[in-house]
């Protein structure tokens, strides 16, 4: 039996028209660009750690060695990641979040273009190509890790590019057999990918290329398989040589070995609980959870990607002939990356992000063939998120943070987005397009909701910064490197010293009254440092506990991003004023 819809792709593979997909793609691009330099772009906490390393290295005026004031973090990533930031930030002369994040966004858009080109070559339809680009951009893993600094976009591009090129060659020339020259270029491309992240990625990258190459071979023979294997091995060695230049160029290669090879990479294969206990448990780092990595990375399209996998498994027994080359390459790409990252003791969905372009193409090819019920959860989840984002905006308005025009704009957008999602729920013909559009509306809605917090209410004004005395500023850091964010908020800050706040918050949470501990710590900080940034640590606190013995230079509001256990409960989740919004003061000693 020939499985219809997988082996052939007519021009009507999607139910979205060309102009509709163009509008959705434009919305996607604008959503990605909007608020790029904001404080609340979805990201991971390590972004500030590596911004810190890049800044200090740039200020040293040298490419190597990398510099850091954080113990044990100087060589936790290869130098190409930091060199990218140093160049983008003009060696600390244009040190803004927007500048540091721009290269990641460029890489993400290049990946979306490669995804669109690949799908267009398969279906001979630019509509389907643009649809696949939209799908790649709508994945939450792309939105979260494809915009901020320290993301997966650069290595994803360089590790994916050889597979894109193989796919394009197979579509144009089915009998294409790459020789030495393509494999030299393959080694250089993979080497750049490794130089952004880790030498360990050569395993899935080279294995995916090798399997895709021999599996898509139209007339496989043992001599050809051996030739492909040897040449792939040569490319892998060349890629590792590119990565190995770090050891040659760095004046302290032994520190690179200790901090990066042993501490950062080898540690991922050890587990105090025992390898198999962790692997077979029901925790978030188990093999079972990793098997859901692709749906998890898809975000709101979780169930749609789950449906794609279900359709693929059902089709296995219905195929009576070899799959077309493009399908083989895409499947090899996705399966190898997933299989490889089942083995480390530390497992997370973001490790397989370099295979998400393949998932986007496969999903676009099967977009119309998946049953409608796979799309309905996306719409229901989107509606719930619109309601909650509207709630956050309203609470901010009641606190006096958002103006009437701001809350009106946010509320109007959420109402419009909700109507679109509900209409897609009611009308079957609009469900698939509605699910895609509704997902982008969630991202755009988040950007609109937090935008006022990047305005005057969420920053220290120029007058405040003019009063900032010379000397060291003590800044809170409840996660590794979070103090670095004040480099983007206080232009006059000469040196920033972090202080921990988790223990203090835990003490106050357990005792019910941590005001004495807060006052004691704040007094010590004011005695030791020229200025102190202090975050409201009690729900109804309206002034810092050091008054009247200190001076308030300025005040701003922030959105908290890290919480202790029990801070968010079923009783207060509808009241973000109790756990999301906090005041922050810039203080000095009293006159």
Protein backbone atom coordinates (compact mmCIF):
# COMPACT_ATOMS: atom_id res chain seq x y z
CA UNK A 1 0.00 0.00 0.00
CA UNK A 2 1.29 3.48 -0.85
CA UNK A 3 0.60 5.80 2.08
CA UNK A 4 -1.16 8.81 0.60
CA UNK A 5 0.00 12.20 1.80
CA UNK A 6 3.45 11.06 2.83
CA UNK A 7 4.94 9.99 -0.47
CA UNK A 8 3.37 12.72 -2.60
CA UNK A 9 2.61 16.34 -1.85
CA UNK A 10 0.11 18.08 -4.10
CA UNK A 11 -0.07 21.83 -4.11
CA UNK A 12 -3.08 21.81 -1.79
CA UNK A 13 -1.27 20.30 1.19
CA UNK A 14 -2.56 23.05 3.47
CA UNK A 15 -5.93 24.71 3.94
CA UNK A 16 -4.38 28.17 4.28
CA UNK A 17 -4.30 30.48 1.29
CA UNK A 18 -1.14 32.20 0.08
CA UNK A 19 -2.16 35.64 1.26
CA UNK A 20 -3.14 34.26 4.68
CA UNK A 21 0.20 32.55 5.21
CA UNK A 22 2.00 35.73 4.10
CA UNK A 23 0.07 37.75 6.70
CA UNK A 24 0.85 35.17 9.40
CA UNK A 25 4.53 35.15 8.46
CA UNK A 26 4.66 38.95 8.59
CA UNK A 27 3.06 38.82 12.03
CA UNK A 28 5.67 36.25 13.09
CA UNK A 29 8.59 38.38 11.93
CA UNK A 30 7.22 41.48 13.65
CA UNK A 31 6.61 39.52 16.84
CA UNK A 32 10.20 38.31 16.87
CA UNK A 33 11.61 41.80 16.30
CA UNK A 34 9.26 43.58 18.71
CA UNK A 35 10.78 44.05 22.15
CA UNK A 36 14.05 42.36 21.21
CA UNK A 37 15.98 44.45 23.73
CA UNK A 38 13.42 44.06 26.49
CA UNK A 39 14.04 42.79 30.00
CA UNK A 40 11.30 40.17 29.79
CA UNK A 41 12.00 38.39 26.53
CA UNK A 42 11.42 34.66 27.15
CA UNK A 43 14.85 33.19 27.77
CA UNK A 44 16.86 31.17 30.29
CA UNK A 45 18.74 32.55 33.29
CA UNK A 46 22.15 31.74 31.86
CA UNK A 47 21.85 34.57 29.33
CA UNK A 48 23.24 37.03 31.88
CA UNK A 49 26.09 34.70 32.85
CA UNK A 50 27.42 34.67 29.32
CA UNK A 51 26.72 38.36 28.74
CA UNK A 52 28.94 38.91 31.79
CA UNK A 53 31.76 36.80 30.32
CA UNK A 54 31.46 38.49 26.91
CA UNK A 55 31.53 41.98 28.45
CA UNK A 56 34.59 41.36 30.61
CA UNK A 57 36.41 39.70 27.73
CA UNK A 58 35.59 42.66 25.47
CA UNK A 59 36.80 45.09 28.14
CA UNK A 60 40.09 43.18 28.34
CA UNK A 61 40.72 44.10 24.69
CA UNK A 62 41.70 40.50 23.82
CA UNK A 63 39.93 37.61 22.15
CA UNK A 64 41.35 35.10 24.62
CA UNK A 65 41.47 34.12 27.40
CA UNK A 66 37.84 34.52 28.33
CA UNK A 67 37.24 36.62 31.44
CA UNK A 68 34.75 36.22 34.28
CA UNK A 69 34.26 37.21 37.91
CA UNK A 70 32.05 34.18 38.52
CA UNK A 71 33.93 31.16 39.90
CA UNK A 72 34.04 28.19 37.56
CA UNK A 73 32.18 29.83 34.66
CA UNK A 74 34.95 31.33 32.56
CA UNK A 75 35.29 28.42 30.10
CA UNK A 76 31.83 26.84 30.19
CA UNK A 77 31.12 27.65 26.52
CA UNK A 78 33.41 27.84 23.46
CA UNK A 79 34.75 31.30 22.52
CA UNK A 80 32.80 31.79 19.27
CA UNK A 81 29.66 32.50 21.30
CA UNK A 82 31.41 35.32 23.17
CA UNK A 83 33.23 36.66 20.11
CA UNK A 84 29.85 37.04 18.42
CA UNK A 85 28.62 39.22 21.29
CA UNK A 86 31.86 41.20 21.44
CA UNK A 87 31.62 42.12 17.77
CA UNK A 88 27.86 42.80 17.92
CA UNK A 89 28.37 45.00 20.98
CA UNK A 90 31.30 46.82 19.34
CA UNK A 91 33.70 45.72 22.07
CA UNK A 92 31.43 47.08 24.84
CA UNK A 93 30.90 50.45 23.12
CA UNK A 94 27.35 49.52 22.07
CA UNK A 95 26.56 47.15 24.91
CA UNK A 96 22.80 46.74 24.68
CA UNK A 97 20.60 43.67 24.85
CA UNK A 98 19.27 44.46 21.40
CA UNK A 99 22.77 44.46 19.92
CA UNK A 100 23.75 41.22 21.66
CA UNK A 101 20.57 39.44 20.61
CA UNK A 102 20.49 40.61 16.99
CA UNK A 103 22.85 37.87 15.67
CA UNK A 104 20.63 35.16 17.18
CA UNK A 105 17.62 36.66 15.44
CA UNK A 106 19.47 36.72 12.11
CA UNK A 107 20.41 33.06 12.50
CA UNK A 108 16.78 32.21 13.34
CA UNK A 109 15.46 33.99 10.25
CA UNK A 110 18.09 32.25 8.09
CA UNK A 111 16.90 28.91 9.47
CA UNK A 112 13.29 29.81 8.70
CA UNK A 113 14.35 30.67 5.12
CA UNK A 114 16.09 27.29 4.77
CA UNK A 115 12.99 25.52 6.08
CA UNK A 116 10.79 27.41 3.61
CA UNK A 117 13.14 26.67 0.68
CA UNK A 118 13.25 22.97 1.52
CA UNK A 119 9.48 22.62 1.70
CA UNK A 120 9.04 24.61 -1.49
CA UNK A 121 11.42 22.26 -3.34
CA UNK A 122 9.46 19.25 -2.07
CA UNK A 123 5.94 20.49 -2.82
CA UNK A 124 6.74 23.00 -5.61
CA UNK A 125 4.58 25.50 -3.74
CA UNK A 126 5.82 28.66 -2.06
CA UNK A 127 2.63 28.69 0.00
CA UNK A 128 3.64 25.44 1.66
CA UNK A 129 7.21 26.70 2.01
CA UNK A 130 6.08 29.82 3.84
CA UNK A 131 3.76 27.70 5.97
CA UNK A 132 6.71 25.59 7.13
CA UNK A 133 8.64 28.76 8.01
CA UNK A 134 5.66 29.88 10.11
CA UNK A 135 5.59 26.51 11.86
CA UNK A 136 9.28 26.70 12.67
CA UNK A 137 8.87 30.20 14.10
CA UNK A 138 5.77 29.28 16.08
CA UNK A 139 7.57 26.53 17.98
CA UNK A 140 8.15 27.74 21.52
CA UNK A 141 11.72 26.41 21.44
CA UNK A 142 12.42 28.73 18.50
CA UNK A 143 10.75 31.72 20.17
CA UNK A 144 12.49 31.15 23.50
CA UNK A 145 15.93 30.08 22.29
CA UNK A 146 16.01 31.81 18.90
CA UNK A 147 15.99 35.41 20.06
CA UNK A 148 18.02 36.04 23.23
CA UNK A 149 21.76 35.90 23.58
CA UNK A 150 23.04 32.41 24.49
CA UNK A 151 20.55 30.50 22.43
CA UNK A 152 20.51 27.49 20.15
CA UNK A 153 20.13 29.47 16.92
CA UNK A 154 23.81 29.69 15.83
CA UNK A 155 24.71 26.03 16.35
CA UNK A 156 21.34 24.93 14.96
CA UNK A 157 22.09 26.83 11.75
CA UNK A 158 25.60 25.46 11.24
CA UNK A 159 24.72 21.89 12.23
CA UNK A 160 21.57 21.94 10.05
CA UNK A 161 23.07 23.54 6.96
CA UNK A 162 24.76 20.33 5.67
CA UNK A 163 21.49 18.42 5.94
CA UNK A 164 19.62 21.20 4.15
CA UNK A 165 22.19 21.08 1.34
CA UNK A 166 21.97 17.29 1.12
CA UNK A 167 18.18 17.52 0.96
CA UNK A 168 18.33 20.12 -1.83
CA UNK A 169 20.86 18.07 -3.81
CA UNK A 170 18.81 14.89 -3.50
CA UNK A 171 15.71 16.71 -4.74
CA UNK A 172 17.58 18.10 -7.75
CA UNK A 173 19.88 15.14 -8.46
CA UNK A 174 18.67 11.88 -6.85
CA UNK A 175 21.94 10.10 -7.66
CA UNK A 176 24.08 12.81 -6.05
CA UNK A 177 27.16 11.39 -4.31
CA UNK A 178 29.21 13.98 -2.35
CA UNK A 179 32.95 13.77 -2.79
CA UNK A 180 35.93 15.16 -0.90
CA UNK A 181 35.16 18.83 -1.44
CA UNK A 182 31.62 18.72 0.02
CA UNK A 183 32.95 16.77 2.99
CA UNK A 184 35.65 19.37 3.62
CA UNK A 185 32.96 22.04 3.65
CA UNK A 186 30.86 19.76 5.85
CA UNK A 187 33.70 19.57 8.36
CA UNK A 188 34.12 23.34 8.42
CA UNK A 189 30.38 23.93 8.84
CA UNK A 190 30.06 21.39 11.64
CA UNK A 191 33.19 22.85 13.25
CA UNK A 192 31.58 26.28 13.45
CA UNK A 193 28.54 24.69 15.10
CA UNK A 194 30.76 22.96 17.65
CA UNK A 195 32.65 26.20 18.30
CA UNK A 196 29.37 27.76 19.42
CA UNK A 197 28.29 25.04 21.83
CA UNK A 198 30.29 21.84 22.41
CA UNK A 199 32.50 19.26 20.74
CA UNK A 200 29.99 16.61 21.94
CA UNK A 201 27.49 17.71 19.29
CA UNK A 202 29.65 16.06 16.64
CA UNK A 203 28.00 12.76 17.63
CA UNK A 204 24.41 13.59 16.60
CA UNK A 205 25.46 15.96 13.80
CA UNK A 206 27.81 13.52 12.04
CA UNK A 207 25.57 10.51 12.71
CA UNK A 208 22.52 12.29 11.27
CA UNK A 209 24.46 13.23 8.13
CA UNK A 210 25.85 9.70 7.74
CA UNK A 211 22.49 7.97 8.19
CA UNK A 212 20.68 10.46 5.93
CA UNK A 213 23.36 10.02 3.26
CA UNK A 214 23.44 6.22 3.13
CA UNK A 215 19.72 5.74 3.78
CA UNK A 216 18.72 8.12 0.98
CA UNK A 217 21.19 6.51 -1.46
CA UNK A 218 19.06 5.39 -4.45
CA UNK A 219 21.35 2.44 -5.30
CA UNK A 220 23.21 1.51 -2.10
CA UNK A 221 26.23 -0.78 -2.31
CA UNK A 222 28.78 -1.82 0.30
CA UNK A 223 31.64 0.04 -1.39
CA UNK A 224 29.56 3.25 -1.46
CA UNK A 225 28.54 2.78 2.17
CA UNK A 226 32.17 2.33 3.17
CA UNK A 227 33.14 5.43 1.16
CA UNK A 228 30.40 7.50 2.81
CA UNK A 229 31.51 6.26 6.22
CA UNK A 230 35.16 7.14 5.68
CA UNK A 231 34.39 10.57 4.29
CA UNK A 232 31.97 11.31 7.14
CA UNK A 233 34.66 10.29 9.59
CA UNK A 234 37.06 12.67 7.85
CA UNK A 235 34.48 15.49 8.14
CA UNK A 236 33.96 14.75 11.83
CA UNK A 237 37.71 14.88 12.42
CA UNK A 238 37.93 18.20 10.55
CA UNK A 239 35.08 19.61 12.65
CA UNK A 240 36.79 18.54 15.87
CA UNK A 241 39.99 20.16 14.60
CA UNK A 242 38.15 23.47 14.17
CA UNK A 243 36.87 23.15 17.73
CA UNK A 244 40.36 22.15 18.91
CA UNK A 245 41.76 25.51 17.82
CA UNK A 246 40.43 26.79 21.15
CA UNK A 247 43.12 24.79 22.95
CA UNK A 248 45.77 26.09 20.57
CA UNK A 249 44.79 29.77 20.83
CA UNK A 250 43.93 29.93 24.54
CA UNK A 251 46.94 30.74 26.76
CA UNK A 252 45.60 28.40 29.49
CA UNK A 253 44.47 25.21 27.71
CA UNK A 254 44.62 23.21 30.95
CA UNK A 255 41.87 25.40 32.42
CA UNK A 256 39.77 24.88 29.30
CA UNK A 257 40.17 21.13 29.80
CA UNK A 258 39.16 21.25 33.45
CA UNK A 259 36.26 23.69 33.17
CA UNK A 260 34.79 22.76 29.79
CA UNK A 261 35.69 19.17 28.98
CA UNK A 262 35.45 17.68 32.47
CA UNK A 263 33.11 19.94 34.45
CA UNK A 264 30.73 21.10 31.70
CA UNK A 265 30.53 18.02 29.44
CA UNK A 266 31.73 14.86 31.19
CA UNK A 267 29.54 15.70 34.19
CA UNK A 268 26.45 15.21 32.04
CA UNK A 269 27.14 11.48 32.00
CA UNK A 270 27.24 11.12 35.79
CA UNK A 271 24.36 11.11 38.23
CA UNK A 272 24.40 10.84 42.02
CA UNK A 273 21.09 8.99 42.01
CA UNK A 274 22.43 6.33 39.69
CA UNK A 275 22.22 6.37 35.92
CA UNK A 276 19.45 3.81 35.44
CA UNK A 277 17.39 5.03 38.39
CA UNK A 278 17.28 8.48 36.83
CA UNK A 279 16.84 7.23 33.27
CA UNK A 280 13.87 5.01 34.07
CA UNK A 281 12.24 7.27 36.65
CA UNK A 282 9.26 9.50 35.97
CA UNK A 283 11.26 12.69 36.47
CA UNK A 284 11.77 15.45 33.93
CA UNK A 285 15.20 14.06 33.07
CA UNK A 286 14.07 10.51 32.31
CA UNK A 287 14.12 8.69 29.00
CA UNK A 288 10.32 8.78 28.92
CA UNK A 289 10.18 12.56 29.21
CA UNK A 290 12.88 12.92 26.56
CA UNK A 291 10.76 10.93 24.12
CA UNK A 292 8.33 13.85 24.24
CA UNK A 293 11.06 16.40 23.50
CA UNK A 294 9.73 17.37 20.07
CA UNK A 295 6.14 18.01 21.23
CA UNK A 296 7.49 19.91 24.25
CA UNK A 297 9.63 22.12 22.02
CA UNK A 298 6.58 22.80 19.85
CA UNK A 299 4.88 24.58 22.77
CA UNK A 300 1.23 25.31 21.98
CA UNK A 301 1.45 22.90 19.04
CA UNK A 302 2.31 20.08 21.48
CA UNK A 303 -0.66 17.94 20.50
CA UNK A 304 -0.24 18.69 16.80
CA UNK A 305 3.33 17.37 16.83
CA UNK A 306 2.11 14.45 18.92
CA UNK A 307 -0.42 13.78 16.17
CA UNK A 308 2.36 13.92 13.59
CA UNK A 309 4.26 11.25 15.51
CA UNK A 310 1.14 9.11 15.85
CA UNK A 311 0.48 9.37 12.13
CA UNK A 312 4.06 8.42 11.38
CA UNK A 313 3.94 5.34 13.63
CA UNK A 314 0.66 4.20 12.10
CA UNK A 315 2.10 4.51 8.60
CA UNK A 316 5.11 2.27 9.26
CA UNK A 317 3.25 -0.95 8.51
CA UNK A 318 1.43 0.50 5.50
CA UNK A 319 4.44 1.24 3.31
CA UNK A 320 5.38 -1.33 0.70
CA UNK A 321 8.22 0.60 -0.93
CA UNK A 322 11.16 2.79 -0.05
CA UNK A 323 10.38 6.26 1.18
CA UNK A 324 11.34 9.22 -1.02
CA UNK A 325 14.79 10.68 -0.33
CA UNK A 326 13.56 13.89 1.29
CA UNK A 327 11.51 11.95 3.83
CA UNK A 328 14.42 9.70 4.62
CA UNK A 329 16.70 12.67 5.28
CA UNK A 330 14.13 14.39 7.50
CA UNK A 331 13.40 11.22 9.48
CA UNK A 332 17.10 10.40 9.90
CA UNK A 333 17.69 13.96 11.06
CA UNK A 334 14.97 13.82 13.74
CA UNK A 335 15.51 10.23 14.89
CA UNK A 336 19.28 10.47 15.32
CA UNK A 337 19.15 13.63 17.43
CA UNK A 338 16.47 12.15 19.65
CA UNK A 339 18.26 8.81 20.01
CA UNK A 340 21.64 10.35 20.88
CA UNK A 341 20.24 12.51 23.66
CA UNK A 342 18.53 9.61 25.34
CA UNK A 343 21.96 8.52 26.63
CA UNK A 344 23.33 11.40 28.79
CA UNK A 345 22.20 11.41 32.41
CA UNK A 346 21.04 15.00 31.99
CA UNK A 347 18.21 15.13 29.46
CA UNK A 348 16.24 18.16 28.33
CA UNK A 349 14.07 18.97 25.34
CA UNK A 350 16.32 21.85 24.29
CA UNK A 351 19.13 19.41 23.41
CA UNK A 352 17.19 18.33 20.29
CA UNK A 353 16.43 21.86 19.08
CA UNK A 354 18.85 21.40 16.11
CA UNK A 355 16.36 18.87 14.71
CA UNK A 356 13.31 21.15 14.99
CA UNK A 357 13.72 22.41 11.38
CA UNK A 358 13.09 18.82 10.24
CA UNK A 359 9.99 18.63 12.45
CA UNK A 360 8.70 21.89 10.95
CA UNK A 361 9.06 20.56 7.40
CA UNK A 362 7.43 17.22 8.23
CA UNK A 363 4.60 19.02 9.97
CA UNK A 364 4.03 21.32 7.00
CA UNK A 365 3.90 18.32 4.65
CA UNK A 366 1.25 16.69 6.82
CA UNK A 367 -0.55 19.82 8.04
CA UNK A 368 -3.82 19.12 6.22
CA UNK A 369 -3.74 15.36 6.76
CA UNK A 370 -3.76 15.47 10.57
CA UNK A 371 -7.18 15.11 12.13
CA UNK A 372 -8.85 18.32 13.30
CA UNK A 373 -8.99 17.26 16.97
CA UNK A 374 -5.18 17.50 17.24
CA UNK A 375 -5.48 21.28 16.73
CA UNK A 376 -8.27 21.98 19.19
CA UNK A 377 -6.08 21.93 22.37
CA UNK A 378 -3.92 24.67 20.84
CA UNK A 379 -6.91 26.94 20.50
CA UNK A 380 -8.22 26.18 23.99
CA UNK A 381 -4.81 26.79 25.57
CA UNK A 382 -4.44 30.02 23.61
CA UNK A 383 -7.79 31.33 24.89
CA UNK A 384 -6.75 30.55 28.47
CA UNK A 385 -3.51 32.45 27.97
CA UNK A 386 -5.27 35.47 26.47
CA UNK A 387 -7.51 35.65 29.52
CA UNK A 388 -4.57 35.42 31.90
CA UNK A 389 -2.46 37.97 30.04
CA UNK A 390 -5.42 40.32 30.18
CA UNK A 391 -5.64 39.66 33.91
CA UNK A 392 -1.97 40.57 34.38
CA UNK A 393 -2.49 43.83 32.50
CA UNK A 394 -5.55 44.69 34.58
CA UNK A 395 -3.73 44.03 37.85
CA UNK A 396 -0.86 46.23 36.65
CA UNK A 397 -3.43 48.97 35.95
CA UNK A 398 -4.94 48.68 39.43
CA UNK A 399 -1.44 49.02 40.89
CA UNK A 400 -1.01 52.25 38.95
CA UNK A 401 1.67 50.85 36.66
CA UNK A 402 -0.21 50.88 33.36
CA UNK A 403 -2.07 53.83 31.91
CA UNK A 404 -5.62 53.71 30.56
CA UNK A 405 -4.42 53.69 26.90
CA UNK A 406 -1.94 50.89 27.66
CA UNK A 407 -4.41 48.60 29.40
CA UNK A 408 -7.05 49.40 26.76
CA UNK A 409 -4.69 48.39 23.95
CA UNK A 410 -3.73 45.15 25.68
CA UNK A 411 -7.33 44.28 26.53
CA UNK A 412 -8.54 45.02 23.00
CA UNK A 413 -5.84 42.79 21.55
CA UNK A 414 -6.75 39.93 23.90
CA UNK A 415 -10.43 40.24 23.04
CA UNK A 416 -9.65 40.20 19.31
CA UNK A 417 -7.34 37.20 19.70
CA UNK A 418 -9.96 35.34 21.75
CA UNK A 419 -12.61 35.92 19.08
CA UNK A 420 -10.25 34.57 16.39
CA UNK A 421 -9.55 31.44 18.46
CA UNK A 422 -13.24 30.87 19.24
CA UNK A 423 -14.14 31.28 15.57
CA UNK A 424 -11.51 28.69 14.66
CA UNK A 425 -13.02 26.34 17.25
CA UNK A 426 -16.47 26.71 15.73
CA UNK A 427 -15.62 26.61 12.01
CA UNK A 428 -13.80 23.38 11.03
CA UNK A 429 -12.35 24.92 7.87
CA UNK A 430 -10.52 27.57 9.89
CA UNK A 431 -9.23 25.39 12.70
CA UNK A 432 -5.72 24.71 11.37
CA UNK A 433 -5.05 28.26 10.24
CA UNK A 434 -6.60 29.54 13.46
CA UNK A 435 -4.34 27.36 15.59
CA UNK A 436 -1.26 28.78 13.89
CA UNK A 437 -2.47 32.36 14.13
CA UNK A 438 -3.62 31.95 17.74
CA UNK A 439 -0.17 30.73 18.77
CA UNK A 440 1.51 33.83 17.34
CA UNK A 441 -1.10 35.97 19.06
CA UNK A 442 0.04 34.50 22.38
CA UNK A 443 3.63 35.61 21.69
CA UNK A 444 2.50 39.03 20.49
CA UNK A 445 0.17 39.32 23.49
CA UNK A 446 3.02 38.62 25.87
CA UNK A 447 5.13 41.28 24.19
CA UNK A 448 2.32 43.85 24.50
CA UNK A 449 1.62 42.91 28.10
CA UNK A 450 5.18 43.39 29.35
CA UNK A 451 6.06 46.35 27.08
CA UNK A 452 5.08 49.03 29.66
CA UNK A 453 7.48 47.40 32.14
CA UNK A 454 10.30 48.38 29.80
CA UNK A 455 9.14 51.97 29.90
CA UNK A 456 9.52 54.63 32.58
CA UNK A 457 7.82 52.51 35.25
CA UNK A 458 10.37 49.73 34.88
CA UNK A 459 13.62 51.70 34.60
CA UNK A 460 15.67 54.12 36.69
CA UNK A 461 15.40 57.54 35.08
CA UNK A 462 18.28 59.77 34.04
CA UNK A 463 17.99 61.95 37.14
CA UNK A 464 18.33 58.89 39.36
CA UNK A 465 21.39 57.70 37.49
CA UNK A 466 23.03 61.12 37.74
CA UNK A 467 22.85 60.85 41.54
CA UNK A 468 24.51 57.43 41.57
CA UNK A 469 27.80 57.82 43.48
CA UNK A 470 31.10 56.49 42.23
CA UNK A 471 32.10 53.12 43.63
CA UNK A 472 30.77 49.59 43.81
CA UNK A 473 27.05 48.92 43.46
CA UNK A 474 25.60 45.93 45.35
CA UNK A 475 22.89 44.23 43.30
CA UNK A 476 20.62 41.25 44.10
CA UNK A 477 21.32 37.98 42.33
CA UNK A 478 19.03 35.08 43.19
CA UNK A 479 20.36 33.11 40.24
CA UNK A 480 23.82 32.78 38.75
CA UNK A 481 24.80 35.99 36.96
CA UNK A 482 21.50 37.86 37.30
CA UNK A 483 23.31 40.91 38.68
CA UNK A 484 24.64 41.47 35.15
CA UNK A 485 21.27 42.82 34.03
CA UNK A 486 22.05 46.10 35.82
CA UNK A 487 24.79 46.72 33.26
CA UNK A 488 21.91 47.36 30.83
CA UNK A 489 19.91 49.45 33.31
CA UNK A 490 22.49 51.72 34.94
CA UNK A 491 24.80 53.48 32.54
CA UNK A 492 26.91 55.03 35.28
CA UNK A 493 27.53 51.86 37.32
CA UNK A 494 31.30 51.30 37.49
CA UNK A 495 31.38 47.93 39.21
CA UNK A 496 28.58 45.64 40.35
CA UNK A 497 28.91 43.21 43.26
CA UNK A 498 26.19 40.54 43.57
CA UNK A 499 24.61 39.52 46.85
CA UNK A 500 22.32 36.53 47.38
CA UNK A 501 18.68 36.95 48.33
CA UNK A 502 17.32 33.38 48.26
CA UNK A 503 18.28 32.61 51.86
CA UNK A 504 16.71 35.84 53.08
CA UNK A 505 13.47 35.17 51.19
CA UNK A 506 13.36 31.61 52.50
CA UNK A 507 13.86 32.86 56.05
CA UNK A 508 11.06 35.37 55.72
CA UNK A 509 8.77 32.81 54.09
CA UNK A 510 9.29 30.27 56.87
CA UNK A 511 9.20 32.65 59.81
CA UNK A 512 6.46 34.91 58.54
CA UNK A 513 8.48 38.01 59.42
CA UNK A 514 11.89 38.58 57.95
CA UNK A 515 11.90 42.36 58.38
CA UNK A 516 14.67 42.31 60.99
CA UNK A 517 16.87 40.14 58.81
CA UNK A 518 16.20 42.39 55.82
CA UNK A 519 17.09 45.53 57.75
CA UNK A 520 20.27 43.94 59.08
CA UNK A 521 21.46 42.75 55.66
CA UNK A 522 20.59 46.03 53.98
CA UNK A 523 22.43 47.99 56.66
CA UNK A 524 25.54 45.88 56.14
CA UNK A 525 25.38 46.38 52.37
CA UNK A 526 24.99 50.16 52.69
CA UNK A 527 27.99 50.29 55.00
CA UNK A 528 30.16 48.31 52.62
CA UNK A 529 29.13 49.63 49.18
CA UNK A 530 28.53 53.01 47.58
CA UNK A 531 24.98 52.11 46.53
CA UNK A 532 22.58 49.18 46.84
CA UNK A 533 19.75 47.87 44.68
CA UNK A 534 17.09 46.44 47.00
CA UNK A 535 14.02 44.46 45.92
CA UNK A 536 10.80 44.53 47.89
CA UNK A 537 10.88 41.31 49.91
CA UNK A 538 7.48 41.52 51.65
CA UNK A 539 4.09 41.65 49.97
CA UNK A 540 2.84 44.91 51.49
CA UNK A 541 6.21 46.61 51.79
CA UNK A 542 6.05 50.15 50.36
CA UNK A 543 9.46 51.43 51.45
CA UNK A 544 12.88 49.88 52.05
CA UNK A 545 13.57 48.68 55.63
CA UNK A 546 16.60 50.97 55.99
CA UNK A 547 14.61 54.20 56.28
CA UNK A 548 15.18 56.76 57.70
CA UNK A 549 18.87 55.85 57.79
CA UNK A 550 19.26 55.65 54.01
CA UNK A 551 18.48 57.72 50.95
CA UNK A 552 16.26 56.59 48.06
CA UNK A 553 17.75 57.66 44.75
CA UNK A 554 15.08 56.05 42.61
CA UNK A 555 12.37 53.43 42.37
CA UNK A 556 11.15 51.12 39.64
CA UNK A 557 8.83 48.10 39.28
CA UNK A 558 9.93 44.66 38.10
CA UNK A 559 8.37 41.35 37.11
CA UNK A 560 9.76 38.50 39.16
CA UNK A 561 10.89 35.38 37.28
CA UNK A 562 12.10 32.98 40.00
CA UNK A 563 10.04 31.73 42.94
CA UNK A 564 10.48 29.69 46.07
CA UNK A 565 8.33 26.63 46.66
CA UNK A 566 4.81 27.55 47.75
CA UNK A 567 4.92 31.17 46.59
CA UNK A 568 2.48 30.47 43.75
CA UNK A 569 -0.52 28.40 44.79
CA UNK A 570 -3.98 27.58 43.51
CA UNK A 571 -5.35 30.27 45.84
CA UNK A 572 -3.19 33.15 44.59
CA UNK A 573 -2.52 32.22 40.96
CA UNK A 574 -5.33 34.58 39.88
CA UNK A 575 -3.73 37.40 41.89
CA UNK A 576 -0.38 38.19 40.25
CA UNK A 577 -0.11 41.29 42.42
CA UNK A 578 0.85 38.90 45.24
CA UNK A 579 3.79 37.21 43.51
CA UNK A 580 4.61 38.79 40.12
CA UNK A 581 5.02 42.55 40.68
CA UNK A 582 7.62 43.99 43.03
CA UNK A 583 9.21 47.37 43.76
CA UNK A 584 12.93 47.88 43.46
CA UNK A 585 14.84 50.75 45.05
CA UNK A 586 18.25 52.30 44.35
CA UNK A 587 19.67 53.31 47.73
CA UNK A 588 22.67 55.04 49.28
CA UNK A 589 23.68 55.82 52.84
CA UNK A 590 21.80 58.64 54.55
CA UNK A 591 23.24 62.14 54.75
